[in-house]
C-alpha atoms as a PDB file:
ATOM      1  CA  MET A   1      96.942  98.039 120.596  1.00  0.00           C
ATOM      2  CA  SER A   2      97.321  94.835 122.576  1.00  0.00           C
ATOM      3  CA  ALA A   3      98.720  91.652 121.058  1.00  0.00           C
ATOM      4  CA  ALA A   4      95.251  90.079 121.230  1.00  0.00           C
ATOM      5  CA  ALA A   5      93.779  93.002 119.300  1.00  0.00           C
ATOM      6  CA  THR A   6      96.484  92.997 116.612  1.00  0.00           C
ATOM      7  CA  VAL A   7      95.072  92.293 113.184  1.00  0.00           C
ATOM      8  CA  CYS A   8      96.947  91.448 109.988  1.00  0.00           C
ATOM      9  CA  TRP A   9      96.229  94.786 108.301  1.00  0.00           C
ATOM     10  CA  SER A  10      98.029  96.591 111.134  1.00  0.00           C
ATOM     11  CA  LEU A  11     101.276  94.610 110.767  1.00  0.00           C
ATOM     12  CA  ARG A  12     104.039  95.599 108.370  1.00  0.00           C
ATOM     13  CA  GLY A  13     105.957  92.917 106.517  1.00  0.00           C
ATOM     14  CA  CYS A  14     109.294  94.400 107.525  1.00  0.00           C
ATOM     15  CA  ASP A  15     110.833  95.061 110.920  1.00  0.00           C
ATOM     16  CA  GLU A  16     111.301  98.466 112.572  1.00  0.00           C
ATOM     17  CA  GLU A  17     114.910  98.848 111.472  1.00  0.00           C
ATOM     18  CA  MET A  18     114.047  98.144 107.831  1.00  0.00           C
ATOM     19  CA  TRP A  19     111.082 100.535 107.999  1.00  0.00           C
ATOM     20  CA  SER A  20     113.291 103.310 109.382  1.00  0.00           C
ATOM     21  CA  ARG A  21     115.368 103.312 106.166  1.00  0.00           C
ATOM     22  CA  CYS A  22     112.680 102.273 103.673  1.00  0.00           C
ATOM     23  CA  PRO A  23     112.496 104.578 100.625  1.00  0.00           C
ATOM     24  CA  HIS A  24     108.705 104.104 100.534  1.00  0.00           C
ATOM     25  CA  ALA A  25     108.341 105.202 104.155  1.00  0.00           C
ATOM     26  CA  ILE A  26     110.634 108.194 103.711  1.00  0.00           C
ATOM     27  CA  ALA A  27     108.725 109.434 100.644  1.00  0.00           C
ATOM     28  CA  SER A  28     105.250 108.439 101.870  1.00  0.00           C
ATOM     29  CA  VAL A  29     102.921 111.097 103.209  1.00  0.00           C
ATOM     30  CA  ASP A  30     100.437 108.616 104.691  1.00  0.00           C
ATOM     31  CA  GLY A  31     102.879 105.886 105.857  1.00  0.00           C
ATOM     32  CA  VAL A  32     101.104 103.170 103.860  1.00  0.00           C
ATOM     33  CA  CYS A  33     103.285 100.416 102.408  1.00  0.00           C
ATOM     34  CA  PRO A  34     102.788 100.414  98.607  1.00  0.00           C
ATOM     35  CA  ALA A  35     101.636  97.283  96.795  1.00  0.00           C
ATOM     36  CA  GLU A  36     104.927  97.005  94.877  1.00  0.00           C
ATOM     37  CA  CYS A  37     106.931  96.517  98.083  1.00  0.00           C
ATOM     38  CA  TYR A  38     108.141  92.925  98.449  1.00  0.00           C
ATOM     39  CA  TYR A  39     107.365  92.936 102.184  1.00  0.00           C
ATOM     40  CA  THR A  40     103.663  93.623 101.700  1.00  0.00           C
ATOM     41  CA  ILE A  41     103.018  90.280 100.004  1.00  0.00           C
ATOM     42  CA  CYS A  42     100.530  88.517 102.289  1.00  0.00           C
ATOM     43  CA  GLN A  43     100.916  84.788 102.831  1.00  0.00           C
ATOM     44  CA  ARG A  44      98.226  84.500 105.527  1.00  0.00           C
ATOM     45  CA  ASN A  45      95.475  81.914 105.143  1.00  0.00           C
ATOM     46  CA  GLN A  46      92.765  84.548 105.461  1.00  0.00           C
ATOM     47  CA  ARG A  47      94.090  86.556 102.474  1.00  0.00           C
ATOM     48  CA  GLN A  48      91.541  86.475  99.689  1.00  0.00           C
ATOM     49  CA  LEU A  49      91.786  88.806  96.730  1.00  0.00           C
ATOM     50  CA  THR A  50      88.326  90.047  95.818  1.00  0.00           C
ATOM     51  CA  SER A  51      86.726  91.471  92.723  1.00  0.00           C
ATOM     52  CA  ASP A  52      83.352  91.865  94.474  1.00  0.00           C
ATOM     53  CA  ILE A  53      82.425  95.428  93.559  1.00  0.00           C
ATOM     54  CA  ASN A  54      80.170  95.757  96.627  1.00  0.00           C
ATOM     55  CA  LEU A  55      83.083  94.984  98.946  1.00  0.00           C
ATOM     56  CA  LEU A  56      85.536  97.147  97.047  1.00  0.00           C
ATOM     57  CA  LEU A  57      83.222 100.155  97.131  1.00  0.00           C
ATOM     58  CA  ASP A  58      81.824  99.690 100.651  1.00  0.00           C
ATOM     59  CA  SER A  59      81.978 103.225 102.041  1.00  0.00           C
ATOM     60  CA  SER A  60      81.658 102.049 105.650  1.00  0.00           C
ATOM     61  CA  VAL A  61      85.140 100.421 105.649  1.00  0.00           C
ATOM     62  CA  ASP A  62      87.768 102.509 107.445  1.00  0.00           C
ATOM     63  CA  ARG A  63      90.548 102.107 104.895  1.00  0.00           C
ATOM     64  CA  ARG A  64      92.874 104.208 107.047  1.00  0.00           C
ATOM     65  CA  ALA A  65      93.204 101.144 109.318  1.00  0.00           C
ATOM     66  CA  ALA A  66      95.277  99.308 106.683  1.00  0.00           C
ATOM     67  CA  ILE A  67      98.983 100.107 106.663  1.00  0.00           C
ATOM     68  CA  LYS A  68      99.537  98.058 103.505  1.00  0.00           C
ATOM     69  CA  GLU A  69      98.001  99.000 100.176  1.00  0.00           C
ATOM     70  CA  ASN A  70      97.442  95.309  99.360  1.00  0.00           C
ATOM     71  CA  CYS A  71      94.859  95.044 102.141  1.00  0.00           C
ATOM     72  CA  LEU A  72      92.515  97.361 100.268  1.00  0.00           C
ATOM     73  CA  ASN A  73      91.518  94.575  97.847  1.00  0.00           C
ATOM     74  CA  CYS A  74      91.439  91.742 100.405  1.00  0.00           C
ATOM     75  CA  ALA A  75      88.008  90.333 101.240  1.00  0.00           C
ATOM     76  CA  PHE A  76      89.109  89.501 104.794  1.00  0.00           C
ATOM     77  CA  PHE A  77      90.067  93.124 105.449  1.00  0.00           C
ATOM     78  CA  LEU A  78      87.012  94.569 103.729  1.00  0.00           C
ATOM     79  CA  LYS A  79      84.660  92.334 105.731  1.00  0.00           C
ATOM     80  CA  ASN A  80      86.411  92.668 109.114  1.00  0.00           C
ATOM     81  CA  ALA A  81      88.002  96.123 109.141  1.00  0.00           C
ATOM     82  CA  PRO A  82      86.832  98.864 111.480  1.00  0.00           C
ATOM     83  CA  ARG A  83      83.894 100.888 110.212  1.00  0.00           C
ATOM     84  CA  VAL A  84      83.571 104.652 109.897  1.00  0.00           C
END
């Protein structure tokens, strides 16, 4: 993925070295950063927690694109993520 195509849901909050020894990464089957990890807290302007049931249940969203669990309830991700 080029730098221009990089989107926030594809960026981890930690660096490569930290990820290589992260207990979540070692135990994770899918490689997704869990919501309880400090480094998944999103401070970006586009972050918007949603309770819109239509967005949360939209079956066309490719949720596999998000490498952080917190993205799964973000309106920006749900509206702009790749579709299946």
